[in-house]
Amino acid sequence: MKQICVIGLGSFGSHLAVTLARQGCEVLAIDNREEHVARIRDRVHHALILDARDFSALKLAIPPTIDGVVVSLGGDLAASILCALHLKNLGVKSIRSKAANDEHAQILKAIGVETVFFPERETAERMAMRIMRPNLLEFFPLGEEYEVLEVGAPPSFLGKSLADMQIRNRYRALVIAIRNPRRQQMTFMPPADYLFLEGDELIVMGKEPDLRSLSRQS
């Protein structure tokens, strides 16, 4: 069982902690506010009232076997930075931290935080993507040039094979997998003779303009 610590139990942190616990992680939840800890105490494995700025307290609370720590103290920049520094000094293998702005993110990166994230910004970008591409089922950023997206198979695909549709040649996209929730079926690296069925969803990788062209067909 993976051991994860979540520090900061505001709206994002508490939801993350509970979700991780539901997914089978052993979760240690930490906050300096008693009411926040009490709110999820019965929904995670361990919950502590603790000031994350206190190095000695963190050292006692976080076991050396911890797989990773998520710092969700974006609203308190000083506490977030100090906590991240303490975690690095404790030798925590994986640190992820919420950032309030770009300057905060730069400082966290300079300390050595592995992953810095902006929950509100990322949620807004995903929502914008869904508004702009209503036929898009899911979107995964993969870097500046390439993306992976999930899109419903266009009606024109039904009954035809993967080879017939020439997706790589026509859209310069690679079909990684095809899933069909109705049939509870997932086919990875589908063969050329795969026949498209109603309800199929394509997971494809390519450049954004090419994938946009494919998504318009569905």
C-alpha atoms as a PDB file:
ATOM      1  CA  MET A   1       0.000   0.000   0.000  1.00  0.00           C
ATOM      2  CA  LYS A   2       1.423   3.386  -1.033  1.00  0.00           C
ATOM      3  CA  GLN A   3       1.911   5.849   1.843  1.00  0.00           C
ATOM      4  CA  ILE A   4       1.019   9.458   1.050  1.00  0.00           C
ATOM      5  CA  CYS A   5       0.953  12.497   3.310  1.00  0.00           C
ATOM      6  CA  VAL A   6      -1.283  15.491   2.524  1.00  0.00           C
ATOM      7  CA  ILE A   7      -0.402  18.713   4.330  1.00  0.00           C
ATOM      8  CA  GLY A   8      -3.086  21.400   4.300  1.00  0.00           C
ATOM      9  CA  LEU A   9      -6.708  20.297   4.523  1.00  0.00           C
ATOM     10  CA  GLY A  10      -8.580  23.083   2.822  1.00  0.00           C
ATOM     11  CA  SER A  11     -11.091  22.260   0.106  1.00  0.00           C
ATOM     12  CA  PHE A  12      -8.500  20.816  -2.291  1.00  0.00           C
ATOM     13  CA  GLY A  13      -6.292  19.085   0.260  1.00  0.00           C
ATOM     14  CA  SER A  14      -9.114  17.394   2.153  1.00  0.00           C
ATOM     15  CA  HIS A  15     -10.734  16.160  -1.059  1.00  0.00           C
ATOM     16  CA  LEU A  16      -7.385  14.836  -2.283  1.00  0.00           C
ATOM     17  CA  ALA A  17      -6.690  13.041   0.996  1.00  0.00           C
ATOM     18  CA  VAL A  18     -10.080  11.343   1.062  1.00  0.00           C
ATOM     19  CA  THR A  19      -9.869  10.378  -2.606  1.00  0.00           C
ATOM     20  CA  LEU A  20      -6.407   8.851  -2.148  1.00  0.00           C
ATOM     21  CA  ALA A  21      -7.682   6.847   0.807  1.00  0.00           C
ATOM     22  CA  ARG A  22     -10.591   5.572  -1.265  1.00  0.00           C
ATOM     23  CA  GLN A  23      -8.146   4.540  -3.981  1.00  0.00           C
ATOM     24  CA  GLY A  24      -6.227   2.341  -1.562  1.00  0.00           C
ATOM     25  CA  CYS A  25      -3.437   4.611  -0.330  1.00  0.00           C
ATOM     26  CA  GLU A  26      -2.480   4.835   3.330  1.00  0.00           C
ATOM     27  CA  VAL A  27      -3.049   8.542   3.944  1.00  0.00           C
ATOM     28  CA  LEU A  28      -1.580  10.759   6.640  1.00  0.00           C
ATOM     29  CA  ALA A  29      -3.485  14.075   6.707  1.00  0.00           C
ATOM     30  CA  ILE A  30      -1.996  17.117   8.457  1.00  0.00           C
ATOM     31  CA  ASP A  31      -3.330  20.583   9.209  1.00  0.00           C
ATOM     32  CA  ASN A  32      -2.855  23.145  11.986  1.00  0.00           C
ATOM     33  CA  ARG A  33      -6.610  23.725  12.274  1.00  0.00           C
ATOM     34  CA  GLU A  34      -8.456  21.333  14.560  1.00  0.00           C
ATOM     35  CA  GLU A  35     -11.772  21.676  12.716  1.00  0.00           C
ATOM     36  CA  HIS A  36     -10.184  20.699   9.383  1.00  0.00           C
ATOM     37  CA  VAL A  37      -8.554  17.625  10.871  1.00  0.00           C
ATOM     38  CA  ALA A  38     -11.764  16.609  12.652  1.00  0.00           C
ATOM     39  CA  ARG A  39     -13.682  16.882   9.371  1.00  0.00           C
ATOM     40  CA  ILE A  40     -11.787  14.018   7.731  1.00  0.00           C
ATOM     41  CA  ARG A  41     -10.335  12.130  10.696  1.00  0.00           C
ATOM     42  CA  ASP A  42     -12.622   9.148  10.126  1.00  0.00           C
ATOM     43  CA  ARG A  43     -12.065   9.094   6.354  1.00  0.00           C
ATOM     44  CA  VAL A  44      -8.269   8.674   6.252  1.00  0.00           C
ATOM     45  CA  HIS A  45      -5.843   6.385   8.038  1.00  0.00           C
ATOM     46  CA  HIS A  46      -4.123   9.024  10.193  1.00  0.00           C
ATOM     47  CA  ALA A  47      -4.918  12.691  10.844  1.00  0.00           C
ATOM     48  CA  LEU A  48      -2.784  15.069  12.897  1.00  0.00           C
ATOM     49  CA  ILE A  49      -3.052  18.647  14.127  1.00  0.00           C
ATOM     50  CA  LEU A  50       0.395  20.005  13.410  1.00  0.00           C
ATOM     51  CA  ASP A  51       2.139  23.194  12.313  1.00  0.00           C
ATOM     52  CA  ALA A  52       3.925  22.344   9.050  1.00  0.00           C
ATOM     53  CA  ARG A  53       6.415  25.160   9.684  1.00  0.00           C
ATOM     54  CA  ASP A  54       7.805  23.216  12.659  1.00  0.00           C
ATOM     55  CA  PHE A  55      10.689  21.034  11.473  1.00  0.00           C
ATOM     56  CA  SER A  56      10.825  18.947  14.664  1.00  0.00           C
ATOM     57  CA  ALA A  57       7.095  18.219  14.537  1.00  0.00           C
ATOM     58  CA  LEU A  58       7.290  17.186  10.865  1.00  0.00           C
ATOM     59  CA  LYS A  59      10.266  14.952  11.578  1.00  0.00           C
ATOM     60  CA  LEU A  60       8.304  13.101  14.260  1.00  0.00           C
ATOM     61  CA  ALA A  61       5.103  12.869  12.214  1.00  0.00           C
ATOM     62  CA  ILE A  62       6.347  11.783   8.776  1.00  0.00           C
ATOM     63  CA  PRO A  63       7.809   8.272   8.639  1.00  0.00           C
ATOM     64  CA  PRO A  64      10.963   7.634   6.579  1.00  0.00           C
ATOM     65  CA  THR A  65       8.976   5.086   4.555  1.00  0.00           C
ATOM     66  CA  ILE A  66       6.589   7.726   3.171  1.00  0.00           C
ATOM     67  CA  ASP A  67       6.242   7.470  -0.620  1.00  0.00           C
ATOM     68  CA  GLY A  68       5.324  11.090  -1.196  1.00  0.00           C
ATOM     69  CA  VAL A  69       3.986  14.304   0.297  1.00  0.00           C
ATOM     70  CA  VAL A  70       1.506  16.750  -1.209  1.00  0.00           C
ATOM     71  CA  VAL A  71       1.687  20.280   0.197  1.00  0.00           C
ATOM     72  CA  SER A  72      -1.616  22.112  -0.193  1.00  0.00           C
ATOM     73  CA  LEU A  73      -0.764  25.375   1.533  1.00  0.00           C
ATOM     74  CA  GLY A  74      -1.020  27.611  -1.513  1.00  0.00           C
ATOM     75  CA  GLY A  75      -2.775  30.388   0.387  1.00  0.00           C
ATOM     76  CA  ASP A  76       0.049  30.758   2.902  1.00  0.00           C
ATOM     77  CA  LEU A  77       3.183  31.232   0.826  1.00  0.00           C
ATOM     78  CA  ALA A  78       5.602  31.416   3.744  1.00  0.00           C
ATOM     79  CA  ALA A  79       4.253  28.228   5.335  1.00  0.00           C
ATOM     80  CA  SER A  80       4.238  26.437   1.977  1.00  0.00           C
ATOM     81  CA  ILE A  81       7.862  27.322   1.203  1.00  0.00           C
ATOM     82  CA  LEU A  82       9.119  26.525   4.692  1.00  0.00           C
ATOM     83  CA  CYS A  83       7.248  23.223   4.748  1.00  0.00           C
ATOM     84  CA  ALA A  84       8.688  22.226   1.367  1.00  0.00           C
ATOM     85  CA  LEU A  85      12.205  23.106   2.568  1.00  0.00           C
ATOM     86  CA  HIS A  86      11.742  21.008   5.706  1.00  0.00           C
ATOM     87  CA  LEU A  87      10.520  18.058   3.633  1.00  0.00           C
ATOM     88  CA  LYS A  88      13.584  18.273   1.385  1.00  0.00           C
ATOM     89  CA  ASN A  89      15.829  18.334   4.446  1.00  0.00           C
ATOM     90  CA  LEU A  90      14.004  15.277   5.780  1.00  0.00           C
ATOM     91  CA  GLY A  91      14.845  13.439   2.569  1.00  0.00           C
ATOM     92  CA  VAL A  92      11.260  12.916   1.376  1.00  0.00           C
ATOM     93  CA  LYS A  93      11.486  11.133  -1.987  1.00  0.00           C
ATOM     94  CA  SER A  94       8.600  12.844  -3.774  1.00  0.00           C
ATOM     95  CA  ILE A  95       7.203  16.304  -3.003  1.00  0.00           C
ATOM     96  CA  ARG A  96       4.300  17.872  -4.845  1.00  0.00           C
ATOM     97  CA  SER A  97       3.117  21.348  -3.922  1.00  0.00           C
ATOM     98  CA  LYS A  98       0.232  23.633  -4.745  1.00  0.00           C
ATOM     99  CA  ALA A  99       1.317  27.107  -5.845  1.00  0.00           C
ATOM    100  CA  ALA A 100      -0.568  30.390  -5.557  1.00  0.00           C
ATOM    101  CA  ASN A 101       1.219  32.165  -8.413  1.00  0.00           C
ATOM    102  CA  ASP A 102       4.174  31.883 -10.787  1.00  0.00           C
ATOM    103  CA  GLU A 103       6.643  33.459  -8.343  1.00  0.00           C
ATOM    104  CA  HIS A 104       5.623  30.999  -5.651  1.00  0.00           C
ATOM    105  CA  ALA A 105       6.099  28.169  -8.134  1.00  0.00           C
ATOM    106  CA  GLN A 106       9.601  29.388  -9.036  1.00  0.00           C
ATOM    107  CA  ILE A 107      10.656  29.375  -5.392  1.00  0.00           C
ATOM    108  CA  LEU A 108       9.258  25.885  -4.832  1.00  0.00           C
ATOM    109  CA  LYS A 109      11.085  24.613  -7.909  1.00  0.00           C
ATOM    110  CA  ALA A 110      14.303  26.248  -6.705  1.00  0.00           C
ATOM    111  CA  ILE A 111      13.971  24.417  -3.386  1.00  0.00           C
ATOM    112  CA  GLY A 112      13.677  21.149  -5.297  1.00  0.00           C
ATOM    113  CA  VAL A 113       9.954  20.409  -5.252  1.00  0.00           C
ATOM    114  CA  GLU A 114       9.338  17.686  -7.829  1.00  0.00           C
ATOM    115  CA  THR A 115       5.926  18.835  -9.081  1.00  0.00           C
ATOM    116  CA  VAL A 116       4.250  22.229  -8.712  1.00  0.00           C
ATOM    117  CA  PHE A 117       0.589  22.503  -9.626  1.00  0.00           C
ATOM    118  CA  PHE A 118      -2.146  25.122  -9.928  1.00  0.00           C
ATOM    119  CA  PRO A 119      -5.499  23.356  -9.280  1.00  0.00           C
ATOM    120  CA  GLU A 120      -7.720  26.289 -10.234  1.00  0.00           C
ATOM    121  CA  ARG A 121      -5.718  27.080 -13.369  1.00  0.00           C
ATOM    122  CA  GLU A 122      -5.622  23.454 -14.496  1.00  0.00           C
ATOM    123  CA  THR A 123      -9.345  23.000 -13.872  1.00  0.00           C
ATOM    124  CA  ALA A 124     -10.088  26.150 -15.879  1.00  0.00           C
ATOM    125  CA  GLU A 125      -7.943  24.932 -18.794  1.00  0.00           C
ATOM    126  CA  ARG A 126      -9.721  21.567 -18.849  1.00  0.00           C
ATOM    127  CA  MET A 127     -13.109  23.279 -18.736  1.00  0.00           C
ATOM    128  CA  ALA A 128     -12.112  25.585 -21.585  1.00  0.00           C
ATOM    129  CA  MET A 129     -11.009  22.551 -23.595  1.00  0.00           C
ATOM    130  CA  ARG A 130     -14.385  20.877 -23.067  1.00  0.00           C
ATOM    131  CA  ILE A 131     -16.252  24.060 -24.035  1.00  0.00           C
ATOM    132  CA  MET A 132     -14.171  24.530 -27.171  1.00  0.00           C
ATOM    133  CA  ARG A 133     -14.343  20.815 -28.078  1.00  0.00           C
ATOM    134  CA  PRO A 134     -17.698  19.521 -26.784  1.00  0.00           C
ATOM    135  CA  ASN A 135     -17.145  16.156 -28.478  1.00  0.00           C
ATOM    136  CA  LEU A 136     -13.913  15.638 -26.579  1.00  0.00           C
ATOM    137  CA  LEU A 137     -14.328  13.008 -23.866  1.00  0.00           C
ATOM    138  CA  GLU A 138     -11.016  13.552 -22.108  1.00  0.00           C
ATOM    139  CA  PHE A 139      -7.834  15.557 -22.560  1.00  0.00           C
ATOM    140  CA  PHE A 140      -4.322  14.861 -21.336  1.00  0.00           C
ATOM    141  CA  PRO A 141      -1.527  17.447 -21.871  1.00  0.00           C
ATOM    142  CA  LEU A 142       1.700  15.784 -23.052  1.00  0.00           C
ATOM    143  CA  GLY A 143       4.013  18.708 -23.687  1.00  0.00           C
ATOM    144  CA  GLU A 144       4.233  21.640 -26.022  1.00  0.00           C
ATOM    145  CA  GLU A 145       3.842  19.686 -29.269  1.00  0.00           C
ATOM    146  CA  TYR A 146       1.946  16.510 -28.503  1.00  0.00           C
ATOM    147  CA  GLU A 147      -1.274  15.665 -26.715  1.00  0.00           C
ATOM    148  CA  VAL A 148      -3.195  12.537 -25.872  1.00  0.00           C
ATOM    149  CA  LEU A 149      -6.948  12.788 -26.091  1.00  0.00           C
ATOM    150  CA  GLU A 150      -9.950  10.521 -25.923  1.00  0.00           C
ATOM    151  CA  VAL A 151     -12.642  11.087 -28.520  1.00  0.00           C
ATOM    152  CA  GLY A 152     -15.729   9.190 -29.602  1.00  0.00           C
ATOM    153  CA  ALA A 153     -15.422   7.222 -32.826  1.00  0.00           C
ATOM    154  CA  PRO A 154     -17.113   9.223 -35.625  1.00  0.00           C
ATOM    155  CA  PRO A 155     -20.248   7.652 -37.137  1.00  0.00           C
ATOM    156  CA  SER A 156     -18.376   7.205 -40.426  1.00  0.00           C
ATOM    157  CA  PHE A 157     -15.992   4.777 -38.664  1.00  0.00           C
ATOM    158  CA  LEU A 158     -18.685   2.273 -37.634  1.00  0.00           C
ATOM    159  CA  GLY A 159     -18.302  -1.143 -39.256  1.00  0.00           C
ATOM    160  CA  LYS A 160     -15.000  -0.198 -40.849  1.00  0.00           C
ATOM    161  CA  SER A 161     -11.530  -1.341 -39.865  1.00  0.00           C
ATOM    162  CA  LEU A 162      -8.692   0.677 -38.414  1.00  0.00           C
ATOM    163  CA  ALA A 163      -6.802   0.107 -41.675  1.00  0.00           C
ATOM    164  CA  ASP A 164      -9.785   1.399 -43.705  1.00  0.00           C
ATOM    165  CA  MET A 165      -9.855   4.711 -41.841  1.00  0.00           C
ATOM    166  CA  GLN A 166      -6.116   5.429 -42.303  1.00  0.00           C
ATOM    167  CA  ILE A 167      -6.045   7.546 -39.147  1.00  0.00           C
ATOM    168  CA  ARG A 168      -2.260   7.898 -39.119  1.00  0.00           C
ATOM    169  CA  ASN A 169      -2.142   9.062 -42.736  1.00  0.00           C
ATOM    170  CA  ARG A 170      -5.278  11.224 -42.710  1.00  0.00           C
ATOM    171  CA  TYR A 171      -4.877  12.831 -39.278  1.00  0.00           C
ATOM    172  CA  ARG A 172      -1.217  12.095 -38.412  1.00  0.00           C
ATOM    173  CA  ALA A 173      -2.464  10.543 -35.157  1.00  0.00           C
ATOM    174  CA  LEU A 174      -1.507   7.306 -33.429  1.00  0.00           C
ATOM    175  CA  VAL A 175      -4.294   5.168 -31.955  1.00  0.00           C
ATOM    176  CA  ILE A 176      -2.991   3.976 -28.588  1.00  0.00           C
ATOM    177  CA  ALA A 177      -6.129   2.150 -27.491  1.00  0.00           C
ATOM    178  CA  ILE A 178      -9.846   1.787 -28.138  1.00  0.00           C
ATOM    179  CA  ARG A 179     -12.313   1.299 -25.345  1.00  0.00           C
ATOM    180  CA  ASN A 180     -16.016   0.614 -25.315  1.00  0.00           C
ATOM    181  CA  PRO A 181     -17.700   1.339 -21.948  1.00  0.00           C
ATOM    182  CA  ARG A 182     -20.921  -0.297 -23.090  1.00  0.00           C
ATOM    183  CA  ARG A 183     -19.109  -3.591 -23.651  1.00  0.00           C
ATOM    184  CA  GLN A 184     -16.648  -3.037 -20.783  1.00  0.00           C
ATOM    185  CA  GLN A 185     -13.871  -3.649 -23.285  1.00  0.00           C
ATOM    186  CA  MET A 186     -10.429  -2.073 -23.735  1.00  0.00           C
ATOM    187  CA  THR A 187      -8.130  -2.912 -26.670  1.00  0.00           C
ATOM    188  CA  PHE A 188      -4.550  -1.650 -26.435  1.00  0.00           C
ATOM    189  CA  MET A 189      -2.565  -1.123 -29.625  1.00  0.00           C
ATOM    190  CA  PRO A 190      -5.504  -2.316 -31.752  1.00  0.00           C
ATOM    191  CA  PRO A 191      -4.632  -4.348 -34.867  1.00  0.00           C
ATOM    192  CA  ALA A 192      -5.238  -3.026 -38.389  1.00  0.00           C
ATOM    193  CA  ASP A 193      -8.260  -5.306 -38.844  1.00  0.00           C
ATOM    194  CA  TYR A 194     -10.052  -3.987 -35.742  1.00  0.00           C
ATOM    195  CA  LEU A 195     -13.685  -3.159 -36.676  1.00  0.00           C
ATOM    196  CA  PHE A 196     -15.186  -0.084 -35.064  1.00  0.00           C
ATOM    197  CA  LEU A 197     -18.313  -0.634 -32.957  1.00  0.00           C
ATOM    198  CA  GLU A 198     -20.993   1.727 -31.710  1.00  0.00           C
ATOM    199  CA  GLY A 199     -19.814   3.350 -28.478  1.00  0.00           C
ATOM    200  CA  ASP A 200     -16.108   3.019 -29.249  1.00  0.00           C
ATOM    201  CA  GLU A 201     -13.835   5.707 -27.808  1.00  0.00           C
ATOM    202  CA  LEU A 202     -10.409   6.294 -29.349  1.00  0.00           C
ATOM    203  CA  ILE A 203      -7.374   7.206 -27.251  1.00  0.00           C
ATOM    204  CA  VAL A 204      -5.046   8.909 -29.711  1.00  0.00           C
ATOM    205  CA  MET A 205      -1.752  10.807 -29.630  1.00  0.00           C
ATOM    206  CA  GLY A 206      -0.662  13.536 -31.999  1.00  0.00           C
ATOM    207  CA  LYS A 207      -0.184  17.261 -32.480  1.00  0.00           C
ATOM    208  CA  GLU A 208      -2.975  19.573 -31.361  1.00  0.00           C
ATOM    209  CA  PRO A 209      -4.119  20.800 -34.828  1.00  0.00           C
ATOM    210  CA  ASP A 210      -4.296  17.238 -36.170  1.00  0.00           C
ATOM    211  CA  LEU A 211      -6.226  15.956 -33.171  1.00  0.00           C
ATOM    212  CA  ARG A 212      -8.601  18.885 -33.434  1.00  0.00           C
ATOM    213  CA  SER A 213      -9.344  17.848 -36.999  1.00  0.00           C
ATOM    214  CA  LEU A 214     -10.082  14.277 -35.881  1.00  0.00           C
ATOM    215  CA  SER A 215     -12.272  15.393 -32.982  1.00  0.00           C
ATOM    216  CA  ARG A 216     -14.432  17.456 -35.350  1.00  0.00           C
ATOM    217  CA  GLN A 217     -15.442  14.288 -37.172  1.00  0.00           C
ATOM    218  CA  SER A 218     -17.216  12.772 -34.170  1.00  0.00           C
END
